[in-house]
Amino acid sequence: MSLRSGLQTLPHLKTDGLRACQITAITNLETSLQRGKPRALAQMATGSGKTFTAITEDLDNLPEPDVLMSEIMENLEAAMEQFAAASRA
């Protein structure tokens, strides 16, 4: 099964522990992916749980969650470098 065909039959979202804005973001993302739009932007307020939302979406639908964890670590390292550079300025 290809990734695109798998997106047409996504499992039911487990909403336990998710905020309403996270449920909306994940639902809208899944709808977008099912419509064949491979890219999406989730605009959420500070502190609304963007990282948790992304992890929830990816772990539920990616065939290889370890790829996601690698990406998260790279993003965290880049953010830490940017923060360190900004605090030195």
Protein backbone atom coordinates (compact mmCIF):
# COMPACT_ATOMS: atom_id res chain seq x y z
CA MET A 1 0.00 0.00 0.00
CA SER A 2 1.38 3.41 -0.93
CA LEU A 3 1.42 6.33 1.49
CA ARG A 4 -1.16 8.22 -0.59
CA SER A 5 -3.56 5.29 -0.73
CA GLY A 6 -3.10 4.76 3.01
CA LEU A 7 -4.16 8.35 3.62
CA GLN A 8 -7.59 7.54 2.23
CA THR A 9 -8.26 5.10 5.07
CA LEU A 10 -6.78 6.77 8.12
CA PRO A 11 -7.56 5.23 11.50
CA HIS A 12 -10.01 7.01 13.78
CA LEU A 13 -8.30 9.79 15.74
CA LYS A 14 -7.84 8.97 19.42
CA THR A 15 -8.80 12.23 21.09
CA ASP A 16 -7.97 11.29 24.69
CA GLY A 17 -5.65 13.93 26.11
CA LEU A 18 -5.95 16.26 23.11
CA ARG A 19 -7.19 19.84 23.32
CA ALA A 20 -9.99 21.01 21.03
CA CYS A 21 -7.55 23.07 18.93
CA GLN A 22 -5.31 20.01 18.48
CA ILE A 23 -8.24 17.86 17.38
CA THR A 24 -9.25 20.53 14.87
CA ALA A 25 -5.69 20.85 13.54
CA ILE A 26 -5.25 17.09 13.11
CA THR A 27 -8.68 16.64 11.54
CA ASN A 28 -8.05 19.48 9.08
CA LEU A 29 -4.60 18.10 8.25
CA GLU A 30 -6.00 14.64 7.59
CA THR A 31 -8.73 16.08 5.38
CA SER A 32 -6.12 18.04 3.41
CA LEU A 33 -3.94 14.95 2.95
CA GLN A 34 -6.92 12.87 1.85
CA ARG A 35 -7.65 15.48 -0.82
CA GLY A 36 -4.21 14.92 -2.28
CA LYS A 37 -2.54 18.01 -0.84
CA PRO A 38 0.83 16.70 0.44
CA ARG A 39 1.81 19.91 2.26
CA ALA A 40 0.06 21.71 5.08
CA LEU A 41 0.61 24.50 7.56
CA ALA A 42 -0.87 24.33 11.03
CA GLN A 43 -1.15 27.79 12.53
CA MET A 44 -1.65 27.51 16.26
CA ALA A 45 -1.14 29.90 19.16
CA THR A 46 1.90 29.81 21.40
CA GLY A 47 1.49 27.10 24.02
CA SER A 48 -1.31 25.33 22.17
CA GLY A 49 0.68 22.14 21.69
CA LYS A 50 1.96 22.30 18.11
CA THR A 51 4.76 19.80 18.71
CA PHE A 52 2.46 17.39 20.54
CA THR A 53 -0.09 17.74 17.72
CA ALA A 54 2.53 16.99 15.07
CA ILE A 55 3.82 13.99 16.97
CA THR A 56 0.30 12.65 17.49
CA GLU A 57 -0.49 12.99 13.79
CA ASP A 58 2.79 11.47 12.64
CA LEU A 59 2.90 8.56 15.06
CA ASP A 60 -0.63 7.56 14.13
CA ASN A 61 -0.01 7.67 10.37
CA LEU A 62 3.68 7.28 9.53
CA PRO A 63 4.97 3.83 8.69
CA GLU A 64 8.31 4.59 10.42
CA PRO A 65 7.99 6.71 13.58
CA ASP A 66 11.77 6.59 14.09
CA VAL A 67 12.13 8.93 11.09
CA LEU A 68 9.88 11.41 12.89
CA MET A 69 11.95 11.24 16.06
CA SER A 70 15.09 11.98 14.07
CA GLU A 71 13.41 15.03 12.54
CA ILE A 72 12.22 16.22 15.95
CA MET A 73 15.73 15.96 17.37
CA GLU A 74 17.15 17.91 14.42
CA ASN A 75 14.50 20.61 14.88
CA LEU A 76 15.16 20.83 18.62
CA GLU A 77 18.91 21.12 18.06
CA ALA A 78 18.38 23.88 15.48
CA ALA A 79 16.03 25.72 17.83
CA MET A 80 18.55 25.51 20.66
CA GLU A 81 21.28 26.90 18.39
CA GLN A 82 19.03 29.77 17.30
CA PHE A 83 18.09 30.54 20.89
CA ALA A 84 21.74 30.53 21.97
CA ALA A 85 22.65 32.86 19.08
CA ALA A 86 19.81 35.23 19.91
CA SER A 87 20.71 35.35 23.60
CA ARG A 88 24.31 36.28 22.72
CA ALA A 89 23.19 39.18 20.53
